[in-house]
Amino acid sequence: MPSFWAFLLPAGIVHLIYGLTFLAIYPLASGVDAFSWFMVAVAAVARTAAALLMLYAMRTEEVSRIIPVVYTHPVFVAILAVPLLGESLNYLQWLAIFMSVVGAVLISVRGQGWGTRLRRSFIMLLASSVLFGVANVATKYASESVSFWNMYSLTAISLGGVFLLLSMRPAVFGELRSMRGRGATLTLIAGNETIVLVGIVLSFWAIENGPVSLVSTVMGIRPLFVFLYALALSRFFPTVLGERLSRGSVTLKVASIALIVGGVAIINLID
């Protein structure tokens, strides 16, 4: 895409169309208390902000480094639950938090001379992780009285509306008009956002119908799949993602992802 904003415009249109379509098919339920709708709005806004931060970081960073950091959000949920919900963490869960943080830092460092430095996107990705954690907690609360179809519709409308609000500029329209291979690229974006739709709906359905600890753990395996997909693409189509495939970088990513996924699993499954 010519720019980040040029990507947001068609992506926003797709999300808005899907959100309004499913809202027409599954209208907002009646008899739901105002606070539940407020939590749905919190989840939608937090997820939108988290997605924006993650997508912005994807402009310059490798996707196999981005997703593991973003998916440390169960760590922040566990930490916030201590003062906000009066919960307590045992020593294994504190160890798991330490493991996940170490994994996130390791996968985000960049060699520089005799030392290392954190990538500029690290704080941005941590903020995205916190926001995804807030969104998941709000979604779990709201799922007691709001259907996952309603939650998806409002989330998609939030994504679409904000994306369009940020990207509907004359310069962006000019970029899209002058794109080479515009049809194929826009088709790819539409297909990608359709996959996003399926993923969001399935995650909401799982949160509503299953133990949230198990759901969060299974969803926390995502960094491993992203790494495997990125590895395969970089092996057969090396110019697509720009992933580094040196032995050292692959070893570091594997170790970091193992720490993050293992830590998330312990946090969610150990009482």
Protein backbone atom coordinates (compact mmCIF):
# COMPACT_ATOMS: atom_id res chain seq x y z
CA MET A 1 0.00 0.00 0.00
CA PRO A 2 1.21 3.58 -0.68
CA SER A 3 0.81 4.48 3.02
CA PHE A 4 -0.59 3.29 6.31
CA TRP A 5 -3.62 5.55 5.84
CA ALA A 6 -4.27 4.11 2.37
CA PHE A 7 -4.49 0.67 3.98
CA LEU A 8 -6.93 1.87 6.66
CA LEU A 9 -9.43 3.25 4.13
CA PRO A 10 -10.44 -0.02 2.36
CA ALA A 11 -10.00 -2.01 5.58
CA GLY A 12 -12.36 0.41 7.34
CA ILE A 13 -14.95 0.12 4.57
CA VAL A 14 -14.91 -3.69 4.83
CA HIS A 15 -15.31 -3.66 8.63
CA LEU A 16 -18.08 -1.08 8.49
CA ILE A 17 -20.02 -3.07 5.86
CA TYR A 18 -19.72 -6.28 7.89
CA GLY A 19 -20.64 -4.53 11.14
CA LEU A 20 -23.76 -2.88 9.73
CA THR A 21 -24.79 -6.07 7.92
CA PHE A 22 -24.64 -8.23 11.04
CA LEU A 23 -26.30 -5.50 13.10
CA ALA A 24 -29.22 -5.60 10.63
CA ILE A 25 -29.38 -9.41 10.86
CA TYR A 26 -28.97 -9.49 14.65
CA PRO A 27 -30.44 -6.23 16.06
CA LEU A 28 -29.33 -5.02 19.48
CA ALA A 29 -31.00 -7.07 22.20
CA SER A 30 -33.60 -5.44 24.40
CA GLY A 31 -33.61 -5.61 28.18
CA VAL A 32 -29.83 -5.33 28.54
CA ASP A 33 -28.70 -2.99 31.33
CA ALA A 34 -26.82 0.20 30.45
CA PHE A 35 -23.60 -0.87 32.16
CA SER A 36 -23.34 -3.97 29.97
CA TRP A 37 -23.63 -1.80 26.86
CA PHE A 38 -21.01 0.50 28.35
CA MET A 39 -18.66 -2.48 28.74
CA VAL A 40 -19.33 -3.47 25.11
CA ALA A 41 -18.36 0.08 24.08
CA VAL A 42 -15.21 -0.07 26.24
CA ALA A 43 -14.26 -3.39 24.62
CA ALA A 44 -14.89 -2.05 21.09
CA VAL A 45 -12.92 1.17 21.61
CA ALA A 46 -10.04 -0.58 23.38
CA ARG A 47 -9.82 -3.24 20.66
CA THR A 48 -9.87 -0.57 17.95
CA ALA A 49 -7.06 1.41 19.59
CA ALA A 50 -5.04 -1.77 20.16
CA ALA A 51 -5.46 -2.81 16.52
CA LEU A 52 -4.36 0.62 15.30
CA LEU A 53 -1.18 0.52 17.37
CA MET A 54 -0.40 -3.01 16.19
CA LEU A 55 -1.03 -2.19 12.52
CA TYR A 56 1.07 0.98 12.75
CA ALA A 57 4.00 -1.03 14.13
CA MET A 58 3.65 -3.53 11.27
CA ARG A 59 4.82 -0.85 8.83
CA THR A 60 8.43 -1.29 9.92
CA GLU A 61 8.68 -4.35 12.19
CA GLU A 62 8.67 -8.07 11.45
CA VAL A 63 5.29 -9.65 12.13
CA SER A 64 6.93 -12.54 14.01
CA ARG A 65 8.31 -9.98 16.48
CA ILE A 66 5.11 -7.93 16.78
CA ILE A 67 2.51 -10.59 17.56
CA PRO A 68 4.35 -12.24 20.50
CA VAL A 69 4.68 -8.87 22.28
CA VAL A 70 1.03 -7.96 21.64
CA TYR A 71 -0.12 -11.34 22.94
CA THR A 72 1.36 -10.80 26.38
CA HIS A 73 -1.99 -9.15 27.27
CA PRO A 74 -3.05 -11.93 29.73
CA VAL A 75 -0.07 -10.77 31.82
CA PHE A 76 -1.59 -7.30 32.19
CA VAL A 77 -5.03 -8.76 32.89
CA ALA A 78 -3.55 -10.83 35.73
CA ILE A 79 -1.65 -7.87 37.18
CA LEU A 80 -4.63 -5.50 36.99
CA ALA A 81 -6.90 -8.08 38.61
CA VAL A 82 -4.91 -7.86 41.86
CA PRO A 83 -5.80 -4.23 42.80
CA LEU A 84 -9.05 -3.93 40.82
CA LEU A 85 -10.71 -7.26 41.58
CA GLY A 86 -8.99 -8.23 44.83
CA GLU A 87 -7.47 -11.35 43.27
CA SER A 88 -4.14 -12.82 44.33
CA LEU A 89 -1.36 -14.44 42.32
CA ASN A 90 0.68 -17.39 43.50
CA TYR A 91 4.42 -17.72 42.98
CA LEU A 92 4.00 -19.77 39.78
CA GLN A 93 1.86 -17.03 38.24
CA TRP A 94 4.38 -14.33 39.19
CA LEU A 95 7.06 -16.54 37.63
CA ALA A 96 4.90 -16.83 34.51
CA ILE A 97 4.58 -13.03 34.34
CA PHE A 98 8.36 -12.74 34.59
CA MET A 99 8.78 -15.35 31.83
CA SER A 100 6.40 -13.52 29.49
CA VAL A 101 8.00 -10.13 30.09
CA VAL A 102 11.49 -11.57 29.50
CA GLY A 103 10.26 -13.18 26.29
CA ALA A 104 8.71 -9.90 25.10
CA VAL A 105 11.90 -7.96 25.83
CA LEU A 106 14.14 -10.57 24.19
CA ILE A 107 12.15 -10.64 20.97
CA SER A 108 12.16 -6.82 20.85
CA VAL A 109 15.88 -6.15 21.29
CA ARG A 110 18.09 -5.11 18.43
CA GLY A 111 21.85 -5.61 18.34
CA GLN A 112 23.92 -2.45 18.27
CA GLY A 113 27.67 -2.63 18.59
CA TRP A 114 28.63 -4.17 21.90
CA GLY A 115 25.16 -3.93 23.35
CA THR A 116 21.52 -4.02 22.50
CA ARG A 117 18.60 -1.61 22.51
CA LEU A 118 14.88 -2.09 22.53
CA ARG A 119 13.10 -1.47 19.27
CA ARG A 120 11.24 1.83 19.09
CA SER A 121 7.96 0.01 18.65
CA PHE A 122 8.26 -1.89 21.95
CA ILE A 123 6.32 0.63 24.08
CA MET A 124 3.69 0.96 21.35
CA LEU A 125 3.22 -2.81 21.26
CA LEU A 126 3.03 -3.03 25.06
CA ALA A 127 0.30 -0.38 24.98
CA SER A 128 -1.51 -2.46 22.35
CA SER A 129 -1.19 -5.51 24.59
CA VAL A 130 -2.67 -3.64 27.57
CA LEU A 131 -5.59 -2.44 25.45
CA PHE A 132 -6.29 -5.94 24.13
CA GLY A 133 -6.30 -7.16 27.73
CA VAL A 134 -8.82 -4.47 28.73
CA ALA A 135 -10.97 -5.38 25.70
CA ASN A 136 -11.00 -9.08 26.61
CA VAL A 137 -11.96 -8.40 30.24
CA ALA A 138 -14.78 -6.07 29.15
CA THR A 139 -15.92 -8.63 26.56
CA LYS A 140 -16.08 -11.37 29.18
CA TYR A 141 -18.18 -9.19 31.48
CA ALA A 142 -20.55 -8.11 28.70
CA SER A 143 -20.93 -11.65 27.35
CA GLU A 144 -23.11 -12.50 30.36
CA SER A 145 -25.95 -10.46 28.85
CA VAL A 146 -24.97 -9.43 25.29
CA SER A 147 -24.72 -11.89 22.39
CA PHE A 148 -21.40 -12.29 20.63
CA TRP A 149 -23.08 -11.18 17.37
CA ASN A 150 -23.97 -7.83 18.94
CA MET A 151 -20.46 -7.50 20.36
CA TYR A 152 -18.94 -8.27 16.97
CA SER A 153 -21.23 -5.81 15.16
CA LEU A 154 -20.36 -2.91 17.47
CA THR A 155 -16.65 -3.80 17.40
CA ALA A 156 -16.64 -3.89 13.59
CA ILE A 157 -18.51 -0.57 13.41
CA SER A 158 -15.96 0.94 15.80
CA LEU A 159 -13.06 -0.39 13.73
CA GLY A 160 -14.60 0.74 10.46
CA GLY A 161 -15.68 4.14 11.73
CA VAL A 162 -12.33 5.03 13.30
CA PHE A 163 -10.34 3.71 10.34
CA LEU A 164 -12.42 5.83 7.95
CA LEU A 165 -12.29 8.88 10.21
CA LEU A 166 -8.50 8.72 10.18
CA SER A 167 -8.04 7.96 6.49
CA MET A 168 -10.72 9.81 4.48
CA ARG A 169 -8.50 12.55 3.06
CA PRO A 170 -8.04 13.80 -0.50
CA ALA A 171 -4.39 12.72 -0.45
CA VAL A 172 -5.34 9.16 0.47
CA PHE A 173 -7.92 8.96 -2.31
CA GLY A 174 -5.23 10.18 -4.71
CA GLU A 175 -2.83 7.46 -3.52
CA LEU A 176 -5.43 4.76 -4.10
CA ARG A 177 -6.32 6.06 -7.57
CA SER A 178 -2.68 6.00 -8.67
CA MET A 179 -1.87 2.54 -7.27
CA ARG A 180 -0.52 -0.15 -9.54
CA GLY A 181 -2.29 -3.48 -9.22
CA ARG A 182 -5.01 -1.81 -7.19
CA GLY A 183 -7.66 -4.46 -7.86
CA ALA A 184 -5.54 -7.37 -6.66
CA THR A 185 -4.35 -5.47 -3.59
CA LEU A 186 -7.84 -4.39 -2.55
CA THR A 187 -9.11 -7.95 -3.07
CA LEU A 188 -6.33 -9.20 -0.80
CA ILE A 189 -7.31 -6.66 1.88
CA ALA A 190 -10.99 -7.68 1.64
CA GLY A 191 -10.02 -11.34 1.99
CA ASN A 192 -7.76 -10.56 4.92
CA GLU A 193 -10.43 -8.56 6.76
CA THR A 194 -12.92 -11.39 6.17
CA ILE A 195 -10.51 -13.73 7.94
CA VAL A 196 -10.37 -11.15 10.74
CA LEU A 197 -14.18 -11.24 10.91
CA VAL A 198 -14.19 -15.03 11.31
CA GLY A 199 -11.45 -14.85 13.95
CA ILE A 200 -13.20 -12.18 16.02
CA VAL A 201 -16.58 -13.94 15.89
CA LEU A 202 -15.03 -17.28 16.89
CA SER A 203 -13.12 -15.65 19.77
CA PHE A 204 -16.28 -13.93 21.08
CA TRP A 205 -18.22 -17.19 20.76
CA ALA A 206 -15.48 -19.05 22.67
CA ILE A 207 -15.34 -16.43 25.45
CA GLU A 208 -19.13 -16.60 25.83
CA ASN A 209 -19.34 -20.40 25.86
CA GLY A 210 -16.09 -21.65 27.41
CA PRO A 211 -13.87 -21.13 30.45
CA VAL A 212 -12.09 -17.83 29.82
CA SER A 213 -8.79 -19.20 31.16
CA LEU A 214 -8.80 -22.04 28.62
CA VAL A 215 -9.96 -19.72 25.81
CA SER A 216 -7.22 -17.19 26.59
CA THR A 217 -4.58 -19.91 26.70
CA VAL A 218 -5.57 -21.39 23.34
CA MET A 219 -5.73 -17.91 21.77
CA GLY A 220 -2.34 -17.17 23.32
CA ILE A 221 -0.75 -19.79 21.05
CA ARG A 222 -1.26 -17.42 18.11
CA PRO A 223 2.37 -16.12 18.16
CA LEU A 224 3.58 -19.65 17.43
CA PHE A 225 1.36 -19.94 14.34
CA VAL A 226 2.38 -16.47 13.15
CA PHE A 227 6.04 -17.45 13.49
CA LEU A 228 5.54 -20.71 11.57
CA TYR A 229 3.59 -18.94 8.79
CA ALA A 230 6.22 -16.18 8.58
CA LEU A 231 9.01 -18.77 8.50
CA ALA A 232 7.34 -20.69 5.67
CA LEU A 233 6.60 -17.54 3.64
CA SER A 234 10.13 -16.23 4.11
CA ARG A 235 11.55 -19.56 3.02
CA PHE A 236 9.57 -19.79 -0.23
CA PHE A 237 8.78 -16.10 -0.90
CA PRO A 238 11.67 -14.22 0.75
CA THR A 239 10.62 -10.75 -0.47
CA VAL A 240 7.06 -10.86 0.90
CA LEU A 241 7.62 -10.23 4.62
CA GLY A 242 11.27 -9.23 4.94
CA GLU A 243 11.80 -11.61 7.87
CA ARG A 244 15.37 -12.29 8.96
CA LEU A 245 16.13 -16.00 8.74
CA SER A 246 19.60 -16.21 10.26
CA ARG A 247 20.16 -19.04 12.72
CA GLY A 248 20.57 -16.58 15.57
CA SER A 249 17.36 -14.64 14.86
CA VAL A 250 15.30 -17.82 14.47
CA THR A 251 16.70 -19.22 17.74
CA LEU A 252 15.94 -15.97 19.58
CA LYS A 253 12.38 -15.88 18.24
CA VAL A 254 11.74 -19.52 19.16
CA ALA A 255 13.06 -19.01 22.70
CA SER A 256 11.11 -15.77 23.19
CA ILE A 257 7.85 -17.22 21.86
CA ALA A 258 8.28 -20.28 24.09
CA LEU A 259 8.68 -18.02 27.15
CA ILE A 260 5.65 -15.90 26.23
CA VAL A 261 3.32 -18.80 25.34
CA GLY A 262 4.45 -20.81 28.36
CA GLY A 263 3.97 -17.85 30.67
CA VAL A 264 0.49 -17.10 29.32
CA ALA A 265 -0.51 -20.76 29.71
CA ILE A 266 0.65 -20.85 33.35
CA ILE A 267 -1.15 -17.59 34.19
CA ASN A 268 -4.44 -18.83 32.76
CA LEU A 269 -4.40 -22.46 33.86
CA ILE A 270 -2.77 -22.44 37.31
CA ASP A 271 -5.00 -21.46 40.25
